[in-house]
Amino acid sequence: AVQELLQMAPEARAIVSSGYAEDPI
């Protein structure tokens, strides 16, 4: 989703959230 968002709005400020703290992202 962030890739789609940034294609539309490169200035977007996105924060990723997850309960899986070990995820490499």
PDB file of all heavy atoms in Angstrom:
ATOM      1  N   ALA A   1       0.817  -1.214   0.000  1.00  0.00           N
ATOM      2  CA  ALA A   1       0.000   0.000   0.000  1.00  0.00           C
ATOM      3  C   ALA A   1       0.853   1.266   0.000  1.00  0.00           C
ATOM      4  O   ALA A   1       0.507   2.241  -0.659  1.00  0.00           O
ATOM      5  CB  ALA A   1      -0.948  -0.002   1.199  1.00  0.00           C
ATOM      6  N   VAL A   2       1.980   1.251   0.721  1.00  0.00           N
ATOM      7  CA  VAL A   2       2.814   2.451   0.752  1.00  0.00           C
ATOM      8  C   VAL A   2       3.402   2.736  -0.623  1.00  0.00           C
ATOM      9  O   VAL A   2       3.566   3.898  -0.998  1.00  0.00           O
ATOM     10  CB  VAL A   2       3.903   2.380   1.843  1.00  0.00           C
ATOM     11  CG1 VAL A   2       5.056   1.487   1.440  1.00  0.00           C
ATOM     12  CG2 VAL A   2       4.403   3.780   2.179  1.00  0.00           C
ATOM     13  N   GLN A   3       3.690   1.701  -1.393  1.00  0.00           N
ATOM     14  CA  GLN A   3       4.220   1.919  -2.735  1.00  0.00           C
ATOM     15  C   GLN A   3       3.173   2.599  -3.624  1.00  0.00           C
ATOM     16  O   GLN A   3       3.498   3.525  -4.370  1.00  0.00           O
ATOM     17  CB  GLN A   3       4.688   0.598  -3.356  1.00  0.00           C
ATOM     18  CG  GLN A   3       5.875  -0.004  -2.625  1.00  0.00           C
ATOM     19  CD  GLN A   3       7.039   0.963  -2.481  1.00  0.00           C
ATOM     20  OE1 GLN A   3       7.473   1.571  -3.442  1.00  0.00           O
ATOM     21  NE2 GLN A   3       7.531   1.111  -1.271  1.00  0.00           N
ATOM     22  N   GLU A   4       1.929   2.160  -3.522  1.00  0.00           N
ATOM     23  CA  GLU A   4       0.851   2.799  -4.283  1.00  0.00           C
ATOM     24  C   GLU A   4       0.655   4.244  -3.824  1.00  0.00           C
ATOM     25  O   GLU A   4       0.470   5.141  -4.640  1.00  0.00           O
ATOM     26  CB  GLU A   4      -0.445   2.009  -4.137  1.00  0.00           C
ATOM     27  CG  GLU A   4      -0.414   0.688  -4.877  1.00  0.00           C
ATOM     28  CD  GLU A   4      -1.762  -0.005  -4.886  1.00  0.00           C
ATOM     29  OE1 GLU A   4      -2.801   0.659  -4.649  1.00  0.00           O
ATOM     30  OE2 GLU A   4      -1.772  -1.224  -5.137  1.00  0.00           O
ATOM     31  N   LEU A   5       0.704   4.456  -2.517  1.00  0.00           N
ATOM     32  CA  LEU A   5       0.535   5.800  -1.974  1.00  0.00           C
ATOM     33  C   LEU A   5       1.638   6.727  -2.460  1.00  0.00           C
ATOM     34  O   LEU A   5       1.374   7.847  -2.906  1.00  0.00           O
ATOM     35  CB  LEU A   5       0.527   5.748  -0.448  1.00  0.00           C
ATOM     36  CG  LEU A   5       0.461   7.094   0.274  1.00  0.00           C
ATOM     37  CD1 LEU A   5      -0.855   7.809  -0.024  1.00  0.00           C
ATOM     38  CD2 LEU A   5       0.636   6.900   1.765  1.00  0.00           C
ATOM     39  N   LEU A   6       2.885   6.270  -2.420  1.00  0.00           N
ATOM     40  CA  LEU A   6       4.006   7.112  -2.820  1.00  0.00           C
ATOM     41  C   LEU A   6       4.040   7.382  -4.318  1.00  0.00           C
ATOM     42  O   LEU A   6       4.563   8.412  -4.743  1.00  0.00           O
ATOM     43  CB  LEU A   6       5.320   6.501  -2.338  1.00  0.00           C
ATOM     44  CG  LEU A   6       5.494   6.480  -0.822  1.00  0.00           C
ATOM     45  CD1 LEU A   6       6.740   5.702  -0.430  1.00  0.00           C
ATOM     46  CD2 LEU A   6       5.505   7.886  -0.245  1.00  0.00           C
ATOM     47  N   GLN A   7       3.494   6.490  -5.120  1.00  0.00           N
ATOM     48  CA  GLN A   7       3.387   6.760  -6.560  1.00  0.00           C
ATOM     49  C   GLN A   7       2.426   7.919  -6.794  1.00  0.00           C
ATOM     50  O   GLN A   7       2.649   8.757  -7.651  1.00  0.00           O
ATOM     51  CB  GLN A   7       2.918   5.518  -7.309  1.00  0.00           C
ATOM     52  CG  GLN A   7       3.991   4.475  -7.464  1.00  0.00           C
ATOM     53  CD  GLN A   7       3.491   3.239  -8.195  1.00  0.00           C
ATOM     54  OE1 GLN A   7       2.318   3.133  -8.563  1.00  0.00           O
ATOM     55  NE2 GLN A   7       4.379   2.283  -8.399  1.00  0.00           N
ATOM     56  N   MET A   8       1.360   7.953  -6.026  1.00  0.00           N
ATOM     57  CA  MET A   8       0.351   8.999  -6.158  1.00  0.00           C
ATOM     58  C   MET A   8       0.811  10.296  -5.487  1.00  0.00           C
ATOM     59  O   MET A   8       0.562  11.377  -5.993  1.00  0.00           O
ATOM     60  CB  MET A   8      -0.962   8.532  -5.514  1.00  0.00           C
ATOM     61  CG  MET A   8      -2.031   9.585  -5.441  1.00  0.00           C
ATOM     62  SD  MET A   8      -3.490   9.052  -4.527  1.00  0.00           S
ATOM     63  CE  MET A   8      -2.818   8.559  -2.971  1.00  0.00           C
ATOM     64  N   ALA A   9       1.466  10.159  -4.323  1.00  0.00           N
ATOM     65  CA  ALA A   9       1.838  11.326  -3.521  1.00  0.00           C
ATOM     66  C   ALA A   9       3.215  11.103  -2.901  1.00  0.00           C
ATOM     67  O   ALA A   9       3.320  10.632  -1.770  1.00  0.00           O
ATOM     68  CB  ALA A   9       0.796  11.557  -2.433  1.00  0.00           C
ATOM     69  N   PRO A  10       4.277  11.406  -3.644  1.00  0.00           N
ATOM     70  CA  PRO A  10       5.629  11.166  -3.133  1.00  0.00           C
ATOM     71  C   PRO A  10       5.936  11.878  -1.821  1.00  0.00           C
ATOM     72  O   PRO A  10       6.825  11.475  -1.089  1.00  0.00           O
ATOM     73  CB  PRO A  10       6.535  11.696  -4.250  1.00  0.00           C
ATOM     74  CG  PRO A  10       5.681  11.744  -5.466  1.00  0.00           C
ATOM     75  CD  PRO A  10       4.279  11.954  -4.994  1.00  0.00           C
ATOM     76  N   GLU A  11       5.192  12.917  -1.503  1.00  0.00           N
ATOM     77  CA  GLU A  11       5.410  13.657  -0.265  1.00  0.00           C
ATOM     78  C   GLU A  11       4.740  13.031   0.954  1.00  0.00           C
ATOM     79  O   GLU A  11       4.906  13.504   2.083  1.00  0.00           O
ATOM     80  CB  GLU A  11       4.906  15.097  -0.419  1.00  0.00           C
ATOM     81  CG  GLU A  11       3.391  15.254  -0.410  1.00  0.00           C
ATOM     82  CD  GLU A  11       2.651  14.840  -1.686  1.00  0.00           C
ATOM     83  OE1 GLU A  11       3.289  14.443  -2.678  1.00  0.00           O
ATOM     84  OE2 GLU A  11       1.419  14.927  -1.682  1.00  0.00           O
ATOM     85  N   ALA A  12       3.986  11.952   0.755  1.00  0.00           N
ATOM     86  CA  ALA A  12       3.239  11.324   1.844  1.00  0.00           C
ATOM     87  C   ALA A  12       4.164  10.877   2.971  1.00  0.00           C
ATOM     88  O   ALA A  12       5.270  10.398   2.733  1.00  0.00           O
ATOM     89  CB  ALA A  12       2.443  10.131   1.315  1.00  0.00           C
ATOM     90  N   ARG A  13       3.687  11.068   4.172  1.00  0.00           N
ATOM     91  CA  ARG A  13       4.421  10.650   5.363  1.00  0.00           C
ATOM     92  C   ARG A  13       3.709   9.451   5.963  1.00  0.00           C
ATOM     93  O   ARG A  13       2.686   9.600   6.642  1.00  0.00           O
ATOM     94  CB  ARG A  13       4.494  11.795   6.361  1.00  0.00           C
ATOM     95  CG  ARG A  13       5.290  12.961   5.830  1.00  0.00           C
ATOM     96  CD  ARG A  13       5.271  14.108   6.786  1.00  0.00           C
ATOM     97  NE  ARG A  13       6.060  15.203   6.240  1.00  0.00           N
ATOM     98  CZ  ARG A  13       6.054  16.410   6.718  1.00  0.00           C
ATOM     99  NH1 ARG A  13       5.300  16.697   7.763  1.00  0.00           N
ATOM    100  NH2 ARG A  13       6.788  17.340   6.179  1.00  0.00           N
ATOM    101  N   ALA A  14       4.241   8.269   5.684  1.00  0.00           N
ATOM    102  CA  ALA A  14       3.616   7.033   6.130  1.00  0.00           C
ATOM    103  C   ALA A  14       4.406   6.412   7.272  1.00  0.00           C
ATOM    104  O   ALA A  14       5.634   6.381   7.248  1.00  0.00           O
ATOM    105  CB  ALA A  14       3.515   6.042   4.967  1.00  0.00           C
ATOM    106  N   ILE A  15       3.670   5.911   8.243  1.00  0.00           N
ATOM    107  CA  ILE A  15       4.239   5.218   9.394  1.00  0.00           C
ATOM    108  C   ILE A  15       3.766   3.774   9.326  1.00  0.00           C
ATOM    109  O   ILE A  15       2.578   3.514   9.165  1.00  0.00           O
ATOM    110  CB  ILE A  15       3.759   5.871  10.706  1.00  0.00           C
ATOM    111  CG1 ILE A  15       4.204   7.329  10.770  1.00  0.00           C
ATOM    112  CG2 ILE A  15       4.231   5.072  11.920  1.00  0.00           C
ATOM    113  CD1 ILE A  15       3.510   8.139  11.853  1.00  0.00           C
ATOM    114  N   VAL A  16       4.693   2.841   9.443  1.00  0.00           N
ATOM    115  CA  VAL A  16       4.335   1.427   9.433  1.00  0.00           C
ATOM    116  C   VAL A  16       4.111   0.971  10.872  1.00  0.00           C
ATOM    117  O   VAL A  16       4.825   1.380  11.784  1.00  0.00           O
ATOM    118  CB  VAL A  16       5.410   0.559   8.729  1.00  0.00           C
ATOM    119  CG1 VAL A  16       6.729   0.601   9.440  1.00  0.00           C
ATOM    120  CG2 VAL A  16       4.921  -0.874   8.562  1.00  0.00           C
ATOM    121  N   SER A  17       3.098   0.146  11.057  1.00  0.00           N
ATOM    122  CA  SER A  17       2.771  -0.387  12.376  1.00  0.00           C
ATOM    123  C   SER A  17       2.565  -1.881  12.276  1.00  0.00           C
ATOM    124  O   SER A  17       1.978  -2.370  11.302  1.00  0.00           O
ATOM    125  CB  SER A  17       1.499   0.281  12.911  1.00  0.00           C
ATOM    126  OG  SER A  17       1.141  -0.260  14.163  1.00  0.00           O
ATOM    127  N   SER A  18       3.060  -2.609  13.269  1.00  0.00           N
ATOM    128  CA  SER A  18       2.891  -4.056  13.270  1.00  0.00           C
ATOM    129  C   SER A  18       3.053  -4.598  14.675  1.00  0.00           C
ATOM    130  O   SER A  18       3.754  -4.011  15.500  1.00  0.00           O
ATOM    131  CB  SER A  18       3.909  -4.724  12.345  1.00  0.00           C
ATOM    132  OG  SER A  18       3.741  -6.131  12.353  1.00  0.00           O
ATOM    133  N   GLY A  19       2.432  -5.725  14.914  1.00  0.00           N
ATOM    134  CA  GLY A  19       2.622  -6.444  16.169  1.00  0.00           C
ATOM    135  C   GLY A  19       3.742  -7.452  16.061  1.00  0.00           C
ATOM    136  O   GLY A  19       4.091  -8.110  17.034  1.00  0.00           O
ATOM    137  N   TYR A  20       4.322  -7.579  14.879  1.00  0.00           N
ATOM    138  CA  TYR A  20       5.406  -8.533  14.644  1.00  0.00           C
ATOM    139  C   TYR A  20       6.731  -7.780  14.648  1.00  0.00           C
ATOM    140  O   TYR A  20       7.254  -7.398  13.602  1.00  0.00           O
ATOM    141  CB  TYR A  20       5.203  -9.259  13.317  1.00  0.00           C
ATOM    142  CG  TYR A  20       3.895 -10.015  13.257  1.00  0.00           C
ATOM    143  CD1 TYR A  20       2.800  -9.498  12.565  1.00  0.00           C
ATOM    144  CD2 TYR A  20       3.755 -11.223  13.909  1.00  0.00           C
ATOM    145  CE1 TYR A  20       1.596 -10.181  12.518  1.00  0.00           C
ATOM    146  CE2 TYR A  20       2.557 -11.924  13.877  1.00  0.00           C
ATOM    147  CZ  TYR A  20       1.484 -11.394  13.177  1.00  0.00           C
ATOM    148  OH  TYR A  20       0.294 -12.070  13.145  1.00  0.00           O
ATOM    149  N   ALA A  21       7.281  -7.556  15.835  1.00  0.00           N
ATOM    150  CA  ALA A  21       8.470  -6.726  15.994  1.00  0.00           C
ATOM    151  C   ALA A  21       9.686  -7.279  15.266  1.00  0.00           C
ATOM    152  O   ALA A  21      10.600  -6.536  14.918  1.00  0.00           O
ATOM    153  CB  ALA A  21       8.793  -6.551  17.475  1.00  0.00           C
ATOM    154  N   GLU A  22       9.697  -8.570  14.983  1.00  0.00           N
ATOM    155  CA  GLU A  22      10.853  -9.169  14.318  1.00  0.00           C
ATOM    156  C   GLU A  22      10.809  -9.034  12.797  1.00  0.00           C
ATOM    157  O   GLU A  22      11.749  -9.415  12.110  1.00  0.00           O
ATOM    158  CB  GLU A  22      10.984 -10.650  14.707  1.00  0.00           C
ATOM    159  CG  GLU A  22       9.886 -11.553  14.159  1.00  0.00           C
ATOM    160  CD  GLU A  22       8.557 -11.497  14.916  1.00  0.00           C
ATOM    161  OE1 GLU A  22       8.494 -10.913  16.015  1.00  0.00           O
ATOM    162  OE2 GLU A  22       7.570 -12.027  14.392  1.00  0.00           O
ATOM    163  N   ASP A  23       9.758  -8.467  12.248  1.00  0.00           N
ATOM    164  CA  ASP A  23       9.658  -8.315  10.794  1.00  0.00           C
ATOM    165  C   ASP A  23      10.766  -7.398  10.291  1.00  0.00           C
ATOM    166  O   ASP A  23      10.952  -6.302  10.814  1.00  0.00           O
ATOM    167  CB  ASP A  23       8.295  -7.728  10.414  1.00  0.00           C
ATOM    168  CG  ASP A  23       8.021  -7.840   8.924  1.00  0.00           C
ATOM    169  OD1 ASP A  23       8.809  -7.260   8.143  1.00  0.00           O
ATOM    170  OD2 ASP A  23       7.046  -8.494   8.563  1.00  0.00           O
ATOM    171  N   PRO A  24      11.526  -7.822   9.276  1.00  0.00           N
ATOM    172  CA  PRO A  24      12.630  -7.003   8.780  1.00  0.00           C
ATOM    173  C   PRO A  24      12.201  -5.641   8.229  1.00  0.00           C
ATOM    174  O   PRO A  24      13.007  -4.710   8.206  1.00  0.00           O
ATOM    175  CB  PRO A  24      13.276  -7.866   7.702  1.00  0.00           C
ATOM    176  CG  PRO A  24      12.301  -8.937   7.386  1.00  0.00           C
ATOM    177  CD  PRO A  24      11.413  -9.093   8.578  1.00  0.00           C
ATOM    178  N   ILE A  25      10.975  -5.506   7.810  1.00  0.00           N
ATOM    179  CA  ILE A  25      10.506  -4.218   7.306  1.00  0.00           C
ATOM    180  C   ILE A  25      10.557  -3.168   8.420  1.00  0.00           C
ATOM    181  O   ILE A  25      10.889  -2.009   8.179  1.00  0.00           O
ATOM    182  CB  ILE A  25       9.098  -4.333   6.691  1.00  0.00           C
ATOM    183  CG1 ILE A  25       9.160  -5.200   5.428  1.00  0.00           C
ATOM    184  CG2 ILE A  25       8.513  -2.957   6.368  1.00  0.00           C
ATOM    185  CD1 ILE A  25       7.828  -5.491   4.801  1.00  0.00           C
TER     186      ILE A  25
END
